Amino acid sequence: MRLLKSSSVVIFSSWRIKLLLWAMASALATTATAAELQSWPQNKPVSLTPGGHDIQVVNVWATWCAPCRKEMPLLSRWYVKQQQSRAKPKVSMLGVALDSEANIARFVRQTPVRYPLWRYSGTDSTAWMKTLGNPVGALPFTLVRAPQCGFQAALLGEVDEAKLDKAVAQARQQCGRRR
């Protein structure tokens, strides 16, 4: 009981509780809809449940979304740079399309994408995006997260390298403080 009176223990406990609650909410949000996510073009069920200690960048897009189409080449170039970087933690990236298989195939023939693509096959993409931190369900939407240290940043609208670099730097900084 004495230990609980120590301010450092209270802060530590508060941090642990927040991290635990965030992890539980994240797990519920990602596992509840795992059957609605499929790898593309393989059409195998996949899940956003984090694995390892990477920083995850999840870009939600559609072929009918002009800003989404515009940012895809930039995202591909940025992803290649991240893969060549020696910075830790590493960055993993994927795009989740809110679109049909045929539309995705047609788009990637015209605009090659260097990172893995998945497809949302559920019936309520707005509700699904809200579980990821998108308050209105608008596109494009990019989520940068590092679940191992409780970092999450929701970027609504078209992104550029500066916005992505800033979010990843913030994740690395937060993860560095938690070691």
Foldseek 3Di string as FASTA:
>chain_A
DVVCVDPVVVVVVVQVVLLVVLLVLLCCLFVVQQQQKAWPPVRHGDTPNDDDFAWEKEKEEELVDVLRLVCQLQVQVLLVVQVVDPDPPGYAYEYEYAYDNVRVVVSCVVPPHNHTYMYGRDDCQQVSVVSLPDVGSDPGKMWIGGSVQSDIDIDHTHDHSVVVVVSVVVRSVSVVVVD
